Amino acid sequence: MIRTQLTVALILLGWTGASVHGQIDTITVTHPINVALDGTATASGATWAGWDPNFIIDGDIGSINHASEPVEQFGYTIELPSVVAFDQINVVGRNSDCCVNRLTNYRVAILDDAAGMPGAVLWSADVRTDGSNSGPGGVDELLADRDPAGTFAGRWVSVSKIPNPAEVDYYLQIAEVELLSGTATETIPINYAAGASVTPSAPTWHNWVGPRIVDGNTSAV
């Protein structure tokens, strides 16, 4: 989903007094900046259980959002603090064994700013109009070339279901919309458990897989 360049560094921390020493391995990561985290999301209608539309830009792929009832058309609009030139837009699907078909046949658009309101379409791309989907936790990665004549920059971004009378469901089921622009470098602790082999001692709820406890997602259990 987000590709990284890694450089390994080591930090050794010591304490005076009794023979207590701690060692923390760290890694320096250069990663894309997700400017959607600074935005505000609104939904075109009521959401399931009154969920906050900002779930789709909270940085947590474990949270999702969708319409409160079966609909033909539903969408979200993201407002950023200012105009941004994007490198890539990622739309992340619901990461579960349910409802992956409810993120299909949709449109992503970048809109001009009209005195603090969404304005004219600057760029747009129709995604999975064949009825396919990206699968559990799948990612649709969109680049500027999806609309070569458009402007891949703006303050407003919309993600909306393309209306089709034959498609009425709890649309659009989205875990995250990532608006990537530029890169940042930071040093973080290394989690050696990430990706490790995990074997449960007994059957799990809904046959959830053991590696969920080491997948780096704090919303997975």
Foldseek 3Di string as FASTA:
>chain_A
DKDKDKDWDWDWAQDPDPPDGDTFTKIKIKTFDFQLCQKAKDKPDAKAVNDGRCQQANPALQDKIWHNWWDQKMKMKIFGPWKAQFAKKKWWAAQDPDDQLQAAQKKKFAAAQDPNDGHHTQDMATGHNVSDGQPHRGMDMDGRVSGVNGGRMHRMMMMMHDGDPVGITRDDITRYMTGTHGIDIDMDTDDPLAPDDADDPDQDDVNDDRNQVRPPRPSGD
